[in-house]
């Protein structure tokens, strides 16, 4: 029996606004740019998060192609820039990731110096993705204070937060998807299984949690656009193989669409009551849903069944 990824938080939408999502076309050719967190220091080749992401995409029904990683333990932004330039041209990649900055922090660098270097790398990542911003995503810097090596040092966390504020602001200014995996990394001391044997880097299990977070932001390139709602707050959550909706703005209809564009379910919903829509018949994969109200307004979103 399939188990849905647990989504406990209520998700809120902004009406007729568009979220930053990662648009994926097939076959997926991934170029992963970074440092020890991307090369997977301390874990096996198949446990690296880029390898696990490609596997998750396959399981979700995507055709996958090449995975190339340009990353090395200890690299700062300038090291990564030099390594990319040495390997140009890099053609044919339709998905590019960027995770860099922990060594800038660890080696005593400043956020003022980091910002322009990160922005330069982000511009290069966008160029390597064919100048398509929706095919690039940035991961936040993990917090190694929550490892045996970091020993809960609050100064490390403060500095990581400062560096992440810089890379988040720059990423969002380019309308590129930003995946905040830092909260996941802060489970390392409470759950030793999330830390690799070296006492510093993430384990394959933590990388899998990162991949789950990335998958929630991935959409196949379709004409379907994700739309959200602000004048009223719509609450929806996934539990027990069902979508539960409450506080709808009015009567309407929910459509569920598969990642290949097929309508797989359509249900009427009513504002006077909460509505639970079962989908235990759905296969693993990414699904889009769209609520259309009686007046023609609506909102939409996505969910993932592992």
Protein backbone atom coordinates (compact mmCIF):
# COMPACT_ATOMS: atom_id res chain seq x y z
CA UNK A 1 0.00 0.00 0.00
CA UNK A 2 1.36 3.42 -0.95
CA UNK A 3 2.14 5.84 1.85
CA UNK A 4 1.72 9.52 1.07
CA UNK A 5 4.46 11.91 2.04
CA UNK A 6 3.19 13.44 5.28
CA UNK A 7 2.03 17.01 4.90
CA UNK A 8 0.95 18.28 8.29
CA UNK A 9 1.12 22.01 7.73
CA UNK A 10 -1.79 23.89 6.22
CA UNK A 11 -0.76 25.47 2.93
CA UNK A 12 -2.03 28.95 2.13
CA UNK A 13 -2.32 30.40 -1.35
CA UNK A 14 -2.20 33.91 -2.81
CA UNK A 15 -5.03 34.54 -5.27
CA UNK A 16 -4.01 34.64 -8.93
CA UNK A 17 -0.35 34.76 -8.05
CA UNK A 18 2.22 32.32 -9.40
CA UNK A 19 4.63 30.31 -7.28
CA UNK A 20 8.23 29.63 -8.15
CA UNK A 21 8.22 26.08 -9.42
CA UNK A 22 10.73 23.92 -11.22
CA UNK A 23 9.57 23.10 -14.73
CA UNK A 24 10.87 19.74 -15.91
CA UNK A 25 11.03 18.53 -19.50
CA UNK A 26 12.04 15.05 -20.63
CA UNK A 27 14.43 13.41 -20.64
CA UNK A 28 15.71 15.12 -17.51
CA UNK A 29 19.41 15.99 -17.83
CA UNK A 30 20.57 17.32 -14.47
CA UNK A 31 23.65 19.45 -13.84
CA UNK A 32 24.28 19.72 -10.09
CA UNK A 33 26.67 22.47 -8.97
CA UNK A 34 28.03 22.71 -5.44
CA UNK A 35 30.38 21.47 -2.77
CA UNK A 36 30.55 18.52 -0.35
CA UNK A 37 26.77 18.52 0.09
CA UNK A 38 26.27 17.92 -3.63
CA UNK A 39 29.09 15.43 -4.18
CA UNK A 40 27.82 13.56 -1.11
CA UNK A 41 30.84 13.48 1.16
CA UNK A 42 30.51 10.50 3.50
CA UNK A 43 27.82 8.60 1.57
CA UNK A 44 27.72 6.20 -1.36
CA UNK A 45 27.35 7.37 -4.95
CA UNK A 46 23.70 6.36 -5.11
CA UNK A 47 22.93 8.13 -1.82
CA UNK A 48 23.97 11.55 -3.07
CA UNK A 49 20.92 13.77 -3.32
CA UNK A 50 21.31 14.40 -7.09
CA UNK A 51 21.33 10.63 -7.70
CA UNK A 52 18.35 10.18 -5.39
CA UNK A 53 16.54 13.00 -7.19
CA UNK A 54 17.00 11.30 -10.55
CA UNK A 55 15.66 8.08 -9.02
CA UNK A 56 12.67 9.92 -7.55
CA UNK A 57 11.94 11.49 -10.93
CA UNK A 58 12.00 8.04 -12.54
CA UNK A 59 9.64 6.71 -9.88
CA UNK A 60 7.32 9.67 -10.56
CA UNK A 61 7.17 8.71 -14.24
CA UNK A 62 9.76 11.06 -15.73
CA UNK A 63 12.24 9.90 -18.34
CA UNK A 64 15.77 10.70 -17.16
CA UNK A 65 19.02 11.11 -19.03
CA UNK A 66 22.39 12.45 -17.92
CA UNK A 67 23.42 13.39 -14.40
CA UNK A 68 26.59 15.49 -14.13
CA UNK A 69 27.93 16.76 -10.82
CA UNK A 70 30.46 19.58 -10.57
CA UNK A 71 31.21 19.70 -6.86
CA UNK A 72 33.98 18.97 -4.41
CA UNK A 73 34.42 18.99 -0.66
CA UNK A 74 35.81 22.31 0.56
CA UNK A 75 34.79 24.39 -2.44
CA UNK A 76 33.83 28.02 -2.01
CA UNK A 77 31.98 30.07 -4.61
CA UNK A 78 35.23 31.00 -6.38
CA UNK A 79 36.37 27.35 -6.55
CA UNK A 80 33.07 26.32 -8.10
CA UNK A 81 33.22 29.16 -10.61
CA UNK A 82 36.70 28.12 -11.73
CA UNK A 83 35.69 24.46 -12.03
CA UNK A 84 32.65 25.28 -14.17
CA UNK A 85 34.72 27.47 -16.48
CA UNK A 86 37.26 24.68 -16.91
CA UNK A 87 34.53 22.31 -18.12
CA UNK A 88 32.79 24.62 -20.59
CA UNK A 89 30.99 24.12 -22.86
CA UNK A 90 28.30 22.34 -20.86
CA UNK A 91 25.40 21.70 -23.21
CA UNK A 92 22.14 19.80 -23.12
CA UNK A 93 21.14 20.28 -19.49
CA UNK A 94 17.50 21.12 -18.86
CA UNK A 95 17.70 21.12 -15.07
CA UNK A 96 20.44 22.87 -13.09
CA UNK A 97 20.87 23.03 -9.32
CA UNK A 98 23.07 25.28 -7.20
CA UNK A 99 24.09 24.76 -3.56
CA UNK A 100 27.15 26.70 -2.44
CA UNK A 101 28.35 28.83 0.45
CA UNK A 102 29.06 26.74 3.53
CA UNK A 103 32.81 26.93 2.95
CA UNK A 104 32.64 30.68 2.41
CA UNK A 105 31.16 30.82 5.92
CA UNK A 106 33.42 28.17 7.47
CA UNK A 107 36.60 29.75 6.10
CA UNK A 108 35.71 33.17 7.53
CA UNK A 109 34.26 34.84 4.46
CA UNK A 110 31.73 37.65 4.69
CA UNK A 111 28.20 37.84 3.36
CA UNK A 112 29.21 41.03 1.54
CA UNK A 113 31.79 39.12 -0.50
CA UNK A 114 29.58 36.06 -0.87
CA UNK A 115 26.60 37.89 -2.38
CA UNK A 116 28.12 39.04 -5.71
CA UNK A 117 29.91 35.70 -6.17
CA UNK A 118 26.71 33.75 -5.55
CA UNK A 119 24.79 35.98 -7.95
CA UNK A 120 27.43 35.41 -10.63
CA UNK A 121 27.09 31.65 -10.18
CA UNK A 122 23.31 31.86 -10.32
CA UNK A 123 23.52 33.77 -13.59
CA UNK A 124 25.84 31.09 -14.94
CA UNK A 125 23.44 28.35 -13.81
CA UNK A 126 20.60 30.10 -15.62
CA UNK A 127 22.72 30.34 -18.76
CA UNK A 128 23.60 26.63 -18.55
CA UNK A 129 19.86 25.88 -18.37
CA UNK A 130 19.30 27.66 -21.67
CA UNK A 131 18.44 30.96 -19.98
CA UNK A 132 15.25 29.38 -18.64
CA UNK A 133 14.86 30.47 -15.01
CA UNK A 134 12.20 27.84 -14.34
CA UNK A 135 14.73 25.06 -14.99
CA UNK A 136 17.07 26.19 -12.22
CA UNK A 137 16.72 25.71 -8.49
CA UNK A 138 18.80 26.72 -5.49
CA UNK A 139 19.12 24.80 -2.24
CA UNK A 140 19.77 26.64 1.01
CA UNK A 141 22.95 25.97 2.96
CA UNK A 142 22.49 23.24 5.61
CA UNK A 143 23.26 24.09 9.22
CA UNK A 144 26.21 21.98 10.36
CA UNK A 145 25.81 23.28 13.92
CA UNK A 146 23.32 20.42 14.25
CA UNK A 147 25.99 17.75 13.85
CA UNK A 148 28.45 16.22 16.31
CA UNK A 149 31.12 18.36 14.63
CA UNK A 150 29.13 21.57 15.14
CA UNK A 151 28.07 20.56 18.64
CA UNK A 152 25.05 22.88 18.65
CA UNK A 153 27.13 26.06 18.32
CA UNK A 154 24.58 28.91 17.99
CA UNK A 155 27.10 31.19 16.27
CA UNK A 156 27.31 28.75 13.36
CA UNK A 157 23.53 28.82 13.02
CA UNK A 158 23.45 32.62 13.08
CA UNK A 159 26.07 32.83 10.35
CA UNK A 160 24.37 30.16 8.21
CA UNK A 161 21.11 32.10 8.51
CA UNK A 162 22.88 35.26 7.37
CA UNK A 163 24.40 33.56 4.32
CA UNK A 164 21.08 31.96 3.49
CA UNK A 165 19.30 35.30 3.68
CA UNK A 166 21.71 36.58 1.04
CA UNK A 167 21.30 33.65 -1.33
CA UNK A 168 17.52 33.56 -0.83
CA UNK A 169 17.11 37.25 -1.64
CA UNK A 170 19.22 36.94 -4.77
CA UNK A 171 17.51 33.74 -5.90
CA UNK A 172 14.02 35.15 -5.48
CA UNK A 173 14.98 38.36 -7.28
CA UNK A 174 15.70 36.17 -10.35
CA UNK A 175 12.38 34.32 -9.96
CA UNK A 176 14.24 31.05 -9.46
CA UNK A 177 12.90 28.30 -7.18
CA UNK A 178 14.49 28.32 -3.72
CA UNK A 179 14.35 25.06 -1.76
CA UNK A 180 14.87 25.65 1.95
CA UNK A 181 16.35 22.44 3.32
CA UNK A 182 18.00 24.13 6.33
CA UNK A 183 15.16 23.18 8.72
CA UNK A 184 15.64 19.54 7.73
CA UNK A 185 19.36 19.77 8.48
CA UNK A 186 18.55 21.03 11.97
CA UNK A 187 17.23 17.61 12.91
CA UNK A 188 20.72 16.15 12.90
CA UNK A 189 21.43 16.20 16.62
CA UNK A 190 17.99 14.90 17.57
CA UNK A 191 18.14 12.12 14.99
CA UNK A 192 21.69 10.74 14.50
CA UNK A 193 20.48 8.69 11.50
CA UNK A 194 20.40 11.95 9.55
CA UNK A 195 24.19 12.36 9.87
CA UNK A 196 26.85 10.43 7.95
CA UNK A 197 29.55 8.43 9.72
CA UNK A 198 32.00 11.36 9.58
CA UNK A 199 29.87 13.26 12.13
CA UNK A 200 29.56 16.29 9.85
CA UNK A 201 27.81 15.63 6.56
CA UNK A 202 24.25 14.48 5.85
CA UNK A 203 23.42 10.81 5.56
CA UNK A 204 21.58 9.29 2.64
CA UNK A 205 18.42 9.47 4.72
CA UNK A 206 18.71 13.24 5.13
CA UNK A 207 19.41 13.60 1.42
CA UNK A 208 16.21 11.67 0.75
CA UNK A 209 14.30 14.23 2.82
CA UNK A 210 15.85 16.98 0.70
CA UNK A 211 14.70 15.17 -2.44
CA UNK A 212 11.17 14.88 -1.07
CA UNK A 213 11.19 18.65 -0.59
CA UNK A 214 12.51 19.24 -4.11
CA UNK A 215 9.87 16.95 -5.61
CA UNK A 216 7.10 19.05 -4.09
CA UNK A 217 8.32 21.95 -6.23
CA UNK A 218 8.62 20.06 -9.53
CA UNK A 219 6.11 20.22 -12.36
CA UNK A 220 6.20 18.72 -15.80
CA UNK A 221 6.08 21.36 -18.51
CA UNK A 222 2.36 21.66 -19.23
CA UNK A 223 -0.04 24.37 -20.27
CA UNK A 224 -1.57 24.03 -16.78
CA UNK A 225 -0.54 27.00 -14.61
CA UNK A 226 -0.51 26.95 -10.85
CA UNK A 227 -2.75 29.63 -9.41
CA UNK A 228 -3.35 30.54 -5.78
CA UNK A 229 -5.82 32.47 -3.66
CA UNK A 230 -5.53 35.50 -1.28
CA UNK A 231 -8.78 37.15 -0.60
CA UNK A 232 -9.83 34.06 1.35
CA UNK A 233 -7.61 31.45 2.91
CA UNK A 234 -8.05 27.99 1.45
CA UNK A 235 -6.93 25.12 3.63
CA UNK A 236 -5.93 21.83 2.07
CA UNK A 237 -3.93 18.90 3.28
CA UNK A 238 -3.11 15.36 2.24
CA UNK A 239 -3.90 12.53 4.65
CA UNK A 240 -5.00 8.91 4.45
CA UNK A 241 -4.87 8.84 0.64
CA UNK A 242 -7.26 11.77 0.43
CA UNK A 243 -7.20 15.51 -0.18
CA UNK A 244 -9.08 17.37 2.55
CA UNK A 245 -10.32 20.87 1.72
CA UNK A 246 -11.96 23.36 4.08
CA UNK A 247 -12.94 27.04 4.02
CA UNK A 248 -13.64 27.07 0.29
CA UNK A 249 -14.89 30.42 -1.12
CA UNK A 250 -17.97 28.81 -2.71
CA UNK A 251 -19.29 25.79 -4.52
CA UNK A 252 -17.16 24.50 -7.33
CA UNK A 253 -15.25 21.62 -8.81
CA UNK A 254 -11.84 20.04 -8.20
CA UNK A 255 -9.94 18.56 -11.14
CA UNK A 256 -6.89 16.34 -10.61
CA UNK A 257 -4.44 16.16 -13.50
CA UNK A 258 -1.49 13.78 -13.92
CA UNK A 259 2.01 14.97 -14.80
CA UNK A 260 1.45 13.96 -18.43
CA UNK A 261 -1.59 16.21 -18.68
CA UNK A 262 -4.40 13.63 -18.28
CA UNK A 263 -7.52 14.45 -16.28
CA UNK A 264 -7.68 11.59 -13.75
CA UNK A 265 -10.44 12.79 -11.42
CA UNK A 266 -13.14 15.44 -11.14
CA UNK A 267 -15.22 16.06 -8.01
CA UNK A 268 -17.84 18.61 -6.96
CA UNK A 269 -17.07 20.48 -3.73
CA UNK A 270 -19.23 22.64 -1.50
CA UNK A 271 -18.29 25.59 0.70
CA UNK A 272 -20.76 24.71 3.44
CA UNK A 273 -18.74 21.70 4.53
CA UNK A 274 -15.27 20.26 4.53
CA UNK A 275 -14.66 17.96 1.60
CA UNK A 276 -12.48 14.85 1.52
CA UNK A 277 -11.57 13.63 -1.95
CA UNK A 278 -10.10 10.10 -2.02
CA UNK A 279 -7.41 9.19 -4.52
CA UNK A 280 -6.20 5.79 -3.40
CA UNK A 281 -6.58 4.75 -7.05
CA UNK A 282 -3.74 7.04 -8.16
CA UNK A 283 -0.32 5.68 -9.06
CA UNK A 284 2.93 7.15 -7.74
CA UNK A 285 3.76 10.52 -9.28
CA UNK A 286 3.19 14.25 -9.28
CA UNK A 287 -0.36 15.53 -9.63
CA UNK A 288 -1.81 18.98 -10.18
CA UNK A 289 -5.18 20.00 -8.83
CA UNK A 290 -7.39 22.93 -9.76
CA UNK A 291 -10.43 24.31 -7.97
CA UNK A 292 -12.84 26.17 -10.24
CA UNK A 293 -15.58 28.13 -8.49
CA UNK A 294 -19.10 28.67 -9.75
CA UNK A 295 -18.16 32.24 -10.71
CA UNK A 296 -15.12 31.07 -12.68
CA UNK A 297 -12.46 32.05 -10.13
CA UNK A 298 -10.20 29.47 -8.59
CA UNK A 299 -6.87 28.28 -7.31
CA UNK A 300 -4.55 25.38 -7.94
CA UNK A 301 -1.57 23.49 -6.58
CA UNK A 302 0.23 20.16 -6.63
CA UNK A 303 0.96 17.10 -4.54
CA UNK A 304 3.28 14.13 -4.81
CA UNK A 305 2.57 10.45 -4.16
CA UNK A 306 5.86 8.54 -3.57
